[in-house]
Amino acid sequence: QGVQRNAQEAYAWLLVASEFGNHSVDAQLQSSMEADLGKTGAD
């Protein structure tokens, strides 16, 4: 929405959000990142 979909960048920002203390994103990272990106994309 408002931008071309970019799952890799999205999960990168979720990882950063968790690092800076927003742990409401942790469940999404654990359940969705590798499923959406695959292992190579998640790395």
PDB file of all heavy atoms in Angstrom:
ATOM      1  N   GLN A   1       0.847  -1.195   0.000  1.00  0.00           N
ATOM      2  CA  GLN A   1       0.000   0.000   0.000  1.00  0.00           C
ATOM      3  C   GLN A   1       0.882   1.244   0.000  1.00  0.00           C
ATOM      4  O   GLN A   1       1.656   1.463   0.917  1.00  0.00           O
ATOM      5  CB  GLN A   1      -0.917   0.000   1.228  1.00  0.00           C
ATOM      6  CG  GLN A   1      -1.993  -1.064   1.175  1.00  0.00           C
ATOM      7  CD  GLN A   1      -2.814  -1.089   2.450  1.00  0.00           C
ATOM      8  OE1 GLN A   1      -2.299  -1.368   3.525  1.00  0.00           O
ATOM      9  NE2 GLN A   1      -4.113  -0.808   2.324  1.00  0.00           N
ATOM     10  N   GLY A   2       0.751   2.044  -1.057  1.00  0.00           N
ATOM     11  CA  GLY A   2       1.527   3.268  -1.164  1.00  0.00           C
ATOM     12  C   GLY A   2       2.946   3.061  -1.625  1.00  0.00           C
ATOM     13  O   GLY A   2       3.705   4.023  -1.778  1.00  0.00           O
ATOM     14  N   VAL A   3       3.319   1.802  -1.859  1.00  0.00           N
ATOM     15  CA  VAL A   3       4.689   1.473  -2.243  1.00  0.00           C
ATOM     16  C   VAL A   3       4.675   0.077  -2.854  1.00  0.00           C
ATOM     17  O   VAL A   3       3.787  -0.735  -2.564  1.00  0.00           O
ATOM     18  CB  VAL A   3       5.616   1.531  -1.006  1.00  0.00           C
ATOM     19  CG1 VAL A   3       5.265   0.447   0.009  1.00  0.00           C
ATOM     20  CG2 VAL A   3       7.074   1.440  -1.389  1.00  0.00           C
ATOM     21  N   GLN A   4       5.633  -0.215  -3.704  1.00  0.00           N
ATOM     22  CA  GLN A   4       5.724  -1.567  -4.266  1.00  0.00           C
ATOM     23  C   GLN A   4       6.047  -2.556  -3.154  1.00  0.00           C
ATOM     24  O   GLN A   4       6.885  -2.283  -2.285  1.00  0.00           O
ATOM     25  CB  GLN A   4       6.804  -1.619  -5.343  1.00  0.00           C
ATOM     26  CG  GLN A   4       6.891  -2.971  -6.056  1.00  0.00           C
ATOM     27  CD  GLN A   4       7.872  -2.940  -7.216  1.00  0.00           C
ATOM     28  OE1 GLN A   4       8.350  -1.877  -7.601  1.00  0.00           O
ATOM     29  NE2 GLN A   4       8.165  -4.099  -7.783  1.00  0.00           N
ATOM     30  N   ARG A   5       5.363  -3.692  -3.151  1.00  0.00           N
ATOM     31  CA  ARG A   5       5.591  -4.682  -2.099  1.00  0.00           C
ATOM     32  C   ARG A   5       7.067  -5.104  -2.082  1.00  0.00           C
ATOM     33  O   ARG A   5       7.649  -5.415  -3.122  1.00  0.00           O
ATOM     34  CB  ARG A   5       4.711  -5.912  -2.282  1.00  0.00           C
ATOM     35  CG  ARG A   5       4.801  -6.893  -1.094  1.00  0.00           C
ATOM     36  CD  ARG A   5       3.841  -8.072  -1.273  1.00  0.00           C
ATOM     37  NE  ARG A   5       3.745  -8.842  -0.038  1.00  0.00           N
ATOM     38  CZ  ARG A   5       4.553  -9.854   0.306  1.00  0.00           C
ATOM     39  NH1 ARG A   5       5.534 -10.215  -0.520  1.00  0.00           N
ATOM     40  NH2 ARG A   5       4.395 -10.488   1.450  1.00  0.00           N
ATOM     41  N   ASN A   6       7.642  -5.107  -0.886  1.00  0.00           N
ATOM     42  CA  ASN A   6       9.036  -5.501  -0.726  1.00  0.00           C
ATOM     43  C   ASN A   6       9.149  -6.236   0.603  1.00  0.00           C
ATOM     44  O   ASN A   6       9.365  -5.631   1.655  1.00  0.00           O
ATOM     45  CB  ASN A   6       9.950  -4.266  -0.747  1.00  0.00           C
ATOM     46  CG  ASN A   6      11.427  -4.638  -0.770  1.00  0.00           C
ATOM     47  OD1 ASN A   6      11.825  -5.673  -0.231  1.00  0.00           O
ATOM     48  ND2 ASN A   6      12.244  -3.791  -1.390  1.00  0.00           N
ATOM     49  N   ALA A   7       8.953  -7.548   0.543  1.00  0.00           N
ATOM     50  CA  ALA A   7       8.908  -8.352   1.766  1.00  0.00           C
ATOM     51  C   ALA A   7      10.255  -8.370   2.486  1.00  0.00           C
ATOM     52  O   ALA A   7      10.312  -8.326   3.719  1.00  0.00           O
ATOM     53  CB  ALA A   7       8.454  -9.770   1.445  1.00  0.00           C
ATOM     54  N   GLN A   8      11.345  -8.405   1.718  1.00  0.00           N
ATOM     55  CA  GLN A   8      12.657  -8.449   2.379  1.00  0.00           C
ATOM     56  C   GLN A   8      12.894  -7.189   3.206  1.00  0.00           C
ATOM     57  O   GLN A   8      13.306  -7.256   4.358  1.00  0.00           O
ATOM     58  CB  GLN A   8      13.778  -8.600   1.343  1.00  0.00           C
ATOM     59  CG  GLN A   8      15.168  -8.622   1.999  1.00  0.00           C
ATOM     60  CD  GLN A   8      16.288  -8.741   0.985  1.00  0.00           C
ATOM     61  OE1 GLN A   8      16.285  -9.643   0.146  1.00  0.00           O
ATOM     62  NE2 GLN A   8      17.264  -7.824   1.061  1.00  0.00           N
ATOM     63  N   GLU A   9      12.629  -6.025   2.611  1.00  0.00           N
ATOM     64  CA  GLU A   9      12.813  -4.777   3.353  1.00  0.00           C
ATOM     65  C   GLU A   9      11.852  -4.700   4.530  1.00  0.00           C
ATOM     66  O   GLU A   9      12.212  -4.221   5.612  1.00  0.00           O
ATOM     67  CB  GLU A   9      12.612  -3.571   2.434  1.00  0.00           C
ATOM     68  CG  GLU A   9      12.890  -2.243   3.125  1.00  0.00           C
ATOM     69  CD  GLU A   9      12.700  -1.036   2.225  1.00  0.00           C
ATOM     70  OE1 GLU A   9      12.470  -1.221   1.014  1.00  0.00           O
ATOM     71  OE2 GLU A   9      12.792   0.100   2.745  1.00  0.00           O
ATOM     72  N   ALA A  10      10.627  -5.190   4.337  1.00  0.00           N
ATOM     73  CA  ALA A  10       9.643  -5.167   5.418  1.00  0.00           C
ATOM     74  C   ALA A  10      10.137  -5.956   6.618  1.00  0.00           C
ATOM     75  O   ALA A  10      10.095  -5.472   7.765  1.00  0.00           O
ATOM     76  CB  ALA A  10       8.312  -5.734   4.923  1.00  0.00           C
ATOM     77  N   TYR A  11      10.619  -7.179   6.385  1.00  0.00           N
ATOM     78  CA  TYR A  11      11.090  -7.986   7.512  1.00  0.00           C
ATOM     79  C   TYR A  11      12.370  -7.411   8.119  1.00  0.00           C
ATOM     80  O   TYR A  11      12.605  -7.544   9.329  1.00  0.00           O
ATOM     81  CB  TYR A  11      11.284  -9.440   7.080  1.00  0.00           C
ATOM     82  CG  TYR A  11       9.965 -10.168   6.924  1.00  0.00           C
ATOM     83  CD1 TYR A  11       9.470 -10.491   5.666  1.00  0.00           C
ATOM     84  CD2 TYR A  11       9.201 -10.497   8.037  1.00  0.00           C
ATOM     85  CE1 TYR A  11       8.250 -11.135   5.518  1.00  0.00           C
ATOM     86  CE2 TYR A  11       7.973 -11.145   7.906  1.00  0.00           C
ATOM     87  CZ  TYR A  11       7.498 -11.458   6.641  1.00  0.00           C
ATOM     88  OH  TYR A  11       6.278 -12.087   6.516  1.00  0.00           O
ATOM     89  N   ALA A  12      13.184  -6.778   7.289  1.00  0.00           N
ATOM     90  CA  ALA A  12      14.363  -6.104   7.837  1.00  0.00           C
ATOM     91  C   ALA A  12      13.944  -5.033   8.844  1.00  0.00           C
ATOM     92  O   ALA A  12      14.511  -4.924   9.934  1.00  0.00           O
ATOM     93  CB  ALA A  12      15.194  -5.491   6.710  1.00  0.00           C
ATOM     94  N   TRP A  13      12.911  -4.243   8.496  1.00  0.00           N
ATOM     95  CA  TRP A  13      12.439  -3.205   9.424  1.00  0.00           C
ATOM     96  C   TRP A  13      11.796  -3.834  10.664  1.00  0.00           C
ATOM     97  O   TRP A  13      11.937  -3.288  11.772  1.00  0.00           O
ATOM     98  CB  TRP A  13      11.451  -2.278   8.721  1.00  0.00           C
ATOM     99  CG  TRP A  13      12.103  -1.221   7.892  1.00  0.00           C
ATOM    100  CD1 TRP A  13      12.034  -1.049   6.534  1.00  0.00           C
ATOM    101  CD2 TRP A  13      12.946  -0.164   8.377  1.00  0.00           C
ATOM    102  NE1 TRP A  13      12.781   0.035   6.146  1.00  0.00           N
ATOM    103  CE2 TRP A  13      13.357   0.604   7.256  1.00  0.00           C
ATOM    104  CE3 TRP A  13      13.407   0.204   9.650  1.00  0.00           C
ATOM    105  CZ2 TRP A  13      14.191   1.718   7.371  1.00  0.00           C
ATOM    106  CZ3 TRP A  13      14.237   1.315   9.763  1.00  0.00           C
ATOM    107  CH2 TRP A  13      14.629   2.053   8.641  1.00  0.00           C
ATOM    108  N   LEU A  14      11.118  -4.966  10.511  1.00  0.00           N
ATOM    109  CA  LEU A  14      10.549  -5.626  11.691  1.00  0.00           C
ATOM    110  C   LEU A  14      11.660  -6.121  12.621  1.00  0.00           C
ATOM    111  O   LEU A  14      11.540  -6.024  13.857  1.00  0.00           O
ATOM    112  CB  LEU A  14       9.664  -6.801  11.260  1.00  0.00           C
ATOM    113  CG  LEU A  14       8.335  -6.422  10.591  1.00  0.00           C
ATOM    114  CD1 LEU A  14       7.605  -7.686  10.129  1.00  0.00           C
ATOM    115  CD2 LEU A  14       7.442  -5.624  11.542  1.00  0.00           C
ATOM    116  N   LEU A  15      12.730  -6.632  12.051  1.00  0.00           N
ATOM    117  CA  LEU A  15      13.877  -7.051  12.869  1.00  0.00           C
ATOM    118  C   LEU A  15      14.477  -5.864  13.622  1.00  0.00           C
ATOM    119  O   LEU A  15      14.832  -5.964  14.802  1.00  0.00           O
ATOM    120  CB  LEU A  15      14.935  -7.713  11.985  1.00  0.00           C
ATOM    121  CG  LEU A  15      14.600  -9.111  11.460  1.00  0.00           C
ATOM    122  CD1 LEU A  15      15.509  -9.480  10.279  1.00  0.00           C
ATOM    123  CD2 LEU A  15      14.741 -10.146  12.580  1.00  0.00           C
ATOM    124  N   VAL A  16      14.594  -4.737  12.932  1.00  0.00           N
ATOM    125  CA  VAL A  16      15.117  -3.529  13.566  1.00  0.00           C
ATOM    126  C   VAL A  16      14.167  -3.065  14.677  1.00  0.00           C
ATOM    127  O   VAL A  16      14.609  -2.677  15.766  1.00  0.00           O
ATOM    128  CB  VAL A  16      15.334  -2.418  12.524  1.00  0.00           C
ATOM    129  CG1 VAL A  16      15.728  -1.109  13.201  1.00  0.00           C
ATOM    130  CG2 VAL A  16      16.405  -2.817  11.524  1.00  0.00           C
ATOM    131  N   ALA A  17      12.872  -3.102  14.398  1.00  0.00           N
ATOM    132  CA  ALA A  17      11.891  -2.690  15.414  1.00  0.00           C
ATOM    133  C   ALA A  17      12.037  -3.526  16.672  1.00  0.00           C
ATOM    134  O   ALA A  17      11.975  -3.000  17.798  1.00  0.00           O
ATOM    135  CB  ALA A  17      10.478  -2.816  14.846  1.00  0.00           C
ATOM    136  N   SER A  18      12.234  -4.823  16.512  1.00  0.00           N
ATOM    137  CA  SER A  18      12.427  -5.694  17.671  1.00  0.00           C
ATOM    138  C   SER A  18      13.702  -5.333  18.422  1.00  0.00           C
ATOM    139  O   SER A  18      13.719  -5.278  19.655  1.00  0.00           O
ATOM    140  CB  SER A  18      12.482  -7.153  17.210  1.00  0.00           C
ATOM    141  OG  SER A  18      12.658  -8.018  18.318  1.00  0.00           O
ATOM    142  N   GLU A  19      14.768  -5.058  17.675  1.00  0.00           N
ATOM    143  CA  GLU A  19      16.043  -4.668  18.302  1.00  0.00           C
ATOM    144  C   GLU A  19      15.894  -3.388  19.119  1.00  0.00           C
ATOM    145  O   GLU A  19      16.527  -3.233  20.164  1.00  0.00           O
ATOM    146  CB  GLU A  19      17.116  -4.464  17.233  1.00  0.00           C
ATOM    147  CG  GLU A  19      17.756  -5.730  16.722  1.00  0.00           C
ATOM    148  CD  GLU A  19      18.604  -6.409  17.786  1.00  0.00           C
ATOM    149  OE1 GLU A  19      19.421  -5.733  18.432  1.00  0.00           O
ATOM    150  OE2 GLU A  19      18.415  -7.625  17.976  1.00  0.00           O
ATOM    151  N   PHE A  20      15.036  -2.479  18.669  1.00  0.00           N
ATOM    152  CA  PHE A  20      14.844  -1.214  19.375  1.00  0.00           C
ATOM    153  C   PHE A  20      13.698  -1.273  20.390  1.00  0.00           C
ATOM    154  O   PHE A  20      13.269  -0.243  20.886  1.00  0.00           O
ATOM    155  CB  PHE A  20      14.618  -0.075  18.380  1.00  0.00           C
ATOM    156  CG  PHE A  20      15.888   0.436  17.749  1.00  0.00           C
ATOM    157  CD1 PHE A  20      16.107   0.300  16.381  1.00  0.00           C
ATOM    158  CD2 PHE A  20      16.883   1.031  18.512  1.00  0.00           C
ATOM    159  CE1 PHE A  20      17.283   0.755  15.797  1.00  0.00           C
ATOM    160  CE2 PHE A  20      18.057   1.491  17.945  1.00  0.00           C
ATOM    161  CZ  PHE A  20      18.260   1.353  16.578  1.00  0.00           C
ATOM    162  N   GLY A  21      13.239  -2.488  20.697  1.00  0.00           N
ATOM    163  CA  GLY A  21      12.341  -2.651  21.843  1.00  0.00           C
ATOM    164  C   GLY A  21      10.878  -2.864  21.542  1.00  0.00           C
ATOM    165  O   GLY A  21      10.077  -3.009  22.465  1.00  0.00           O
ATOM    166  N   ASN A  22      10.489  -2.906  20.279  1.00  0.00           N
ATOM    167  CA  ASN A  22       9.085  -3.150  19.936  1.00  0.00           C
ATOM    168  C   ASN A  22       8.891  -4.650  19.725  1.00  0.00           C
ATOM    169  O   ASN A  22       8.954  -5.157  18.602  1.00  0.00           O
ATOM    170  CB  ASN A  22       8.690  -2.369  18.686  1.00  0.00           C
ATOM    171  CG  ASN A  22       7.235  -2.579  18.293  1.00  0.00           C
ATOM    172  OD1 ASN A  22       6.491  -3.289  18.968  1.00  0.00           O
ATOM    173  ND2 ASN A  22       6.832  -1.965  17.191  1.00  0.00           N
ATOM    174  N   HIS A  23       8.634  -5.374  20.818  1.00  0.00           N
ATOM    175  CA  HIS A  23       8.574  -6.833  20.741  1.00  0.00           C
ATOM    176  C   HIS A  23       7.205  -7.350  20.313  1.00  0.00           C
ATOM    177  O   HIS A  23       7.006  -8.572  20.253  1.00  0.00           O
ATOM    178  CB  HIS A  23       9.003  -7.440  22.072  1.00  0.00           C
ATOM    179  CG  HIS A  23      10.439  -7.142  22.407  1.00  0.00           C
ATOM    180  ND1 HIS A  23      11.482  -7.620  21.648  1.00  0.00           N
ATOM    181  CD2 HIS A  23      10.985  -6.381  23.383  1.00  0.00           C
ATOM    182  CE1 HIS A  23      12.631  -7.190  22.147  1.00  0.00           C
ATOM    183  NE2 HIS A  23      12.356  -6.425  23.195  1.00  0.00           N
ATOM    184  N   SER A  24       6.284  -6.435  19.994  1.00  0.00           N
ATOM    185  CA  SER A  24       5.001  -6.878  19.457  1.00  0.00           C
ATOM    186  C   SER A  24       5.172  -7.493  18.067  1.00  0.00           C
ATOM    187  O   SER A  24       4.263  -8.159  17.563  1.00  0.00           O
ATOM    188  CB  SER A  24       4.017  -5.708  19.390  1.00  0.00           C
ATOM    189  OG  SER A  24       4.434  -4.746  18.444  1.00  0.00           O
ATOM    190  N   VAL A  25       6.343  -7.287  17.439  1.00  0.00           N
ATOM    191  CA  VAL A  25       6.588  -7.836  16.099  1.00  0.00           C
ATOM    192  C   VAL A  25       7.214  -9.231  16.152  1.00  0.00           C
ATOM    193  O   VAL A  25       7.332  -9.888  15.100  1.00  0.00           O
ATOM    194  CB  VAL A  25       7.510  -6.894  15.283  1.00  0.00           C
ATOM    195  CG1 VAL A  25       6.931  -5.488  15.222  1.00  0.00           C
ATOM    196  CG2 VAL A  25       8.928  -6.853  15.859  1.00  0.00           C
ATOM    197  N   ASP A  26       7.611  -9.692  17.319  1.00  0.00           N
ATOM    198  CA  ASP A  26       8.395 -10.921  17.404  1.00  0.00           C
ATOM    199  C   ASP A  26       7.638 -12.141  16.889  1.00  0.00           C
ATOM    200  O   ASP A  26       8.203 -12.984  16.177  1.00  0.00           O
ATOM    201  CB  ASP A  26       8.848 -11.166  18.846  1.00  0.00           C
ATOM    202  CG  ASP A  26       9.886 -10.148  19.307  1.00  0.00           C
ATOM    203  OD1 ASP A  26      10.364  -9.359  18.464  1.00  0.00           O
ATOM    204  OD2 ASP A  26      10.200 -10.125  20.511  1.00  0.00           O
ATOM    205  N   ALA A  27       6.359 -12.248  17.244  1.00  0.00           N
ATOM    206  CA  ALA A  27       5.584 -13.417  16.813  1.00  0.00           C
ATOM    207  C   ALA A  27       5.479 -13.464  15.291  1.00  0.00           C
ATOM    208  O   ALA A  27       5.589 -14.543  14.684  1.00  0.00           O
ATOM    209  CB  ALA A  27       4.196 -13.375  17.443  1.00  0.00           C
ATOM    210  N   GLN A  28       5.305 -12.301  14.678  1.00  0.00           N
ATOM    211  CA  GLN A  28       5.214 -12.239  13.216  1.00  0.00           C
ATOM    212  C   GLN A  28       6.529 -12.677  12.574  1.00  0.00           C
ATOM    213  O   GLN A  28       6.546 -13.399  11.575  1.00  0.00           O
ATOM    214  CB  GLN A  28       4.847 -10.825  12.769  1.00  0.00           C
ATOM    215  CG  GLN A  28       4.669 -10.671  11.262  1.00  0.00           C
ATOM    216  CD  GLN A  28       4.276  -9.249  10.864  1.00  0.00           C
ATOM    217  OE1 GLN A  28       4.197  -8.360  11.711  1.00  0.00           O
ATOM    218  NE2 GLN A  28       4.035  -9.036   9.588  1.00  0.00           N
ATOM    219  N   LEU A  29       7.637 -12.249  13.162  1.00  0.00           N
ATOM    220  CA  LEU A  29       8.943 -12.635  12.633  1.00  0.00           C
ATOM    221  C   LEU A  29       9.141 -14.142  12.735  1.00  0.00           C
ATOM    222  O   LEU A  29       9.628 -14.784  11.792  1.00  0.00           O
ATOM    223  CB  LEU A  29      10.052 -11.907  13.404  1.00  0.00           C
ATOM    224  CG  LEU A  29      10.246 -10.430  13.079  1.00  0.00           C
ATOM    225  CD1 LEU A  29      11.114  -9.764  14.138  1.00  0.00           C
ATOM    226  CD2 LEU A  29      10.858 -10.263  11.689  1.00  0.00           C
ATOM    227  N   GLN A  30       8.765 -14.702  13.863  1.00  0.00           N
ATOM    228  CA  GLN A  30       8.982 -16.134  14.078  1.00  0.00           C
ATOM    229  C   GLN A  30       8.094 -16.990  13.183  1.00  0.00           C
ATOM    230  O   GLN A  30       8.507 -18.047  12.701  1.00  0.00           O
ATOM    231  CB  GLN A  30       8.735 -16.470  15.550  1.00  0.00           C
ATOM    232  CG  GLN A  30       9.775 -15.887  16.485  1.00  0.00           C
ATOM    233  CD  GLN A  30       9.354 -15.940  17.943  1.00  0.00           C
ATOM    234  OE1 GLN A  30       8.350 -16.567  18.289  1.00  0.00           O
ATOM    235  NE2 GLN A  30      10.122 -15.287  18.813  1.00  0.00           N
ATOM    236  N   SER A  31       6.875 -16.527  12.931  1.00  0.00           N
ATOM    237  CA  SER A  31       5.922 -17.355  12.187  1.00  0.00           C
ATOM    238  C   SER A  31       5.951 -17.124  10.685  1.00  0.00           C
ATOM    239  O   SER A  31       5.572 -18.009   9.910  1.00  0.00           O
ATOM    240  CB  SER A  31       4.503 -17.100  12.705  1.00  0.00           C
ATOM    241  OG  SER A  31       4.115 -15.755  12.431  1.00  0.00           O
ATOM    242  N   SER A  32       6.401 -15.922  10.253  1.00  0.00           N
ATOM    243  CA  SER A  32       6.176 -15.558   8.849  1.00  0.00           C
ATOM    244  C   SER A  32       7.428 -15.324   8.018  1.00  0.00           C
ATOM    245  O   SER A  32       7.395 -15.477   6.784  1.00  0.00           O
ATOM    246  CB  SER A  32       5.315 -14.291   8.782  1.00  0.00           C
ATOM    247  OG  SER A  32       4.085 -14.479   9.433  1.00  0.00           O
ATOM    248  N   MET A  33       8.542 -14.888   8.638  1.00  0.00           N
ATOM    249  CA  MET A  33       9.658 -14.393   7.821  1.00  0.00           C
ATOM    250  C   MET A  33      10.200 -15.462   6.878  1.00  0.00           C
ATOM    251  O   MET A  33      10.263 -15.253   5.661  1.00  0.00           O
ATOM    252  CB  MET A  33      10.775 -13.844   8.708  1.00  0.00           C
ATOM    253  CG  MET A  33      11.918 -13.236   7.889  1.00  0.00           C
ATOM    254  SD  MET A  33      13.074 -12.237   8.845  1.00  0.00           S
ATOM    255  CE  MET A  33      13.905 -13.507   9.794  1.00  0.00           C
ATOM    256  N   GLU A  34      10.568 -16.633   7.394  1.00  0.00           N
ATOM    257  CA  GLU A  34      11.143 -17.651   6.523  1.00  0.00           C
ATOM    258  C   GLU A  34      10.085 -18.257   5.611  1.00  0.00           C
ATOM    259  O   GLU A  34      10.377 -18.649   4.478  1.00  0.00           O
ATOM    260  CB  GLU A  34      11.857 -18.721   7.354  1.00  0.00           C
ATOM    261  CG  GLU A  34      13.110 -18.182   8.025  1.00  0.00           C
ATOM    262  CD  GLU A  34      14.162 -19.250   8.296  1.00  0.00           C
ATOM    263  OE1 GLU A  34      13.976 -20.407   7.865  1.00  0.00           O
ATOM    264  OE2 GLU A  34      15.183 -18.923   8.930  1.00  0.00           O
ATOM    265  N   ALA A  35       8.829 -18.318   6.106  1.00  0.00           N
ATOM    266  CA  ALA A  35       7.754 -18.836   5.266  1.00  0.00           C
ATOM    267  C   ALA A  35       7.540 -17.930   4.061  1.00  0.00           C
ATOM    268  O   ALA A  35       7.234 -18.406   2.956  1.00  0.00           O
ATOM    269  CB  ALA A  35       6.468 -18.950   6.081  1.00  0.00           C
ATOM    270  N   ASP A  36       7.699 -16.644   4.248  1.00  0.00           N
ATOM    271  CA  ASP A  36       7.476 -15.666   3.166  1.00  0.00           C
ATOM    272  C   ASP A  36       8.702 -15.532   2.265  1.00  0.00           C
ATOM    273  O   ASP A  36       8.578 -15.435   1.040  1.00  0.00           O
ATOM    274  CB  ASP A  36       7.133 -14.313   3.791  1.00  0.00           C
ATOM    275  CG  ASP A  36       6.458 -13.350   2.821  1.00  0.00           C
ATOM    276  OD1 ASP A  36       6.389 -13.668   1.624  1.00  0.00           O
ATOM    277  OD2 ASP A  36       6.008 -12.285   3.262  1.00  0.00           O
ATOM    278  N   LEU A  37       9.886 -15.537   2.869  1.00  0.00           N
ATOM    279  CA  LEU A  37      11.108 -15.228   2.113  1.00  0.00           C
ATOM    280  C   LEU A  37      11.943 -16.448   1.764  1.00  0.00           C
ATOM    281  O   LEU A  37      12.798 -16.381   0.863  1.00  0.00           O
ATOM    282  CB  LEU A  37      11.987 -14.266   2.920  1.00  0.00           C
ATOM    283  CG  LEU A  37      11.418 -12.889   3.251  1.00  0.00           C
ATOM    284  CD1 LEU A  37      12.397 -12.117   4.124  1.00  0.00           C
ATOM    285  CD2 LEU A  37      11.107 -12.110   1.984  1.00  0.00           C
ATOM    286  N   GLY A  38      11.737 -17.556   2.480  1.00  0.00           N
ATOM    287  CA  GLY A  38      12.668 -18.673   2.353  1.00  0.00           C
ATOM    288  C   GLY A  38      13.932 -18.375   3.150  1.00  0.00           C
ATOM    289  O   GLY A  38      14.165 -17.241   3.588  1.00  0.00           O
ATOM    290  N   LYS A  39      14.781 -19.387   3.326  1.00  0.00           N
ATOM    291  CA  LYS A  39      15.965 -19.198   4.167  1.00  0.00           C
ATOM    292  C   LYS A  39      16.923 -18.172   3.574  1.00  0.00           C
ATOM    293  O   LYS A  39      17.447 -17.316   4.285  1.00  0.00           O
ATOM    294  CB  LYS A  39      16.705 -20.529   4.355  1.00  0.00           C
ATOM    295  CG  LYS A  39      17.872 -20.412   5.341  1.00  0.00           C
ATOM    296  CD  LYS A  39      18.536 -21.743   5.572  1.00  0.00           C
ATOM    297  CE  LYS A  39      19.602 -21.630   6.662  1.00  0.00           C
ATOM    298  NZ  LYS A  39      20.499 -20.497   6.499  1.00  0.00           N
ATOM    299  N   THR A  40      17.155 -18.232   2.273  1.00  0.00           N
ATOM    300  CA  THR A  40      18.084 -17.287   1.645  1.00  0.00           C
ATOM    301  C   THR A  40      17.576 -15.857   1.783  1.00  0.00           C
ATOM    302  O   THR A  40      18.332 -14.936   2.135  1.00  0.00           O
ATOM    303  CB  THR A  40      18.276 -17.626   0.156  1.00  0.00           C
ATOM    304  OG1 THR A  40      18.801 -18.957   0.047  1.00  0.00           O
ATOM    305  CG2 THR A  40      19.240 -16.643  -0.497  1.00  0.00           C
ATOM    306  N   GLY A  41      16.288 -15.656   1.518  1.00  0.00           N
ATOM    307  CA  GLY A  41      15.705 -14.326   1.637  1.00  0.00           C
ATOM    308  C   GLY A  41      15.704 -13.826   3.070  1.00  0.00           C
ATOM    309  O   GLY A  41      15.942 -12.635   3.330  1.00  0.00           O
ATOM    310  N   ALA A  42      15.445 -14.742   4.030  1.00  0.00           N
ATOM    311  CA  ALA A  42      15.450 -14.360   5.450  1.00  0.00           C
ATOM    312  C   ALA A  42      16.844 -13.937   5.886  1.00  0.00           C
ATOM    313  O   ALA A  42      17.015 -12.971   6.636  1.00  0.00           O
ATOM    314  CB  ALA A  42      14.941 -15.518   6.306  1.00  0.00           C
ATOM    315  N   ASP A  43      17.862 -14.654   5.401  1.00  0.00           N
ATOM    316  CA  ASP A  43      19.243 -14.279   5.727  1.00  0.00           C
ATOM    317  C   ASP A  43      19.578 -12.900   5.145  1.00  0.00           C
ATOM    318  O   ASP A  43      20.253 -12.080   5.792  1.00  0.00           O
ATOM    319  CB  ASP A  43      20.225 -15.317   5.192  1.00  0.00           C
ATOM    320  CG  ASP A  43      20.205 -16.613   5.998  1.00  0.00           C
ATOM    321  OD1 ASP A  43      19.679 -16.584   7.148  1.00  0.00           O
ATOM    322  OD2 ASP A  43      20.691 -17.637   5.489  1.00  0.00           O
TER     323      ASP A  43
END
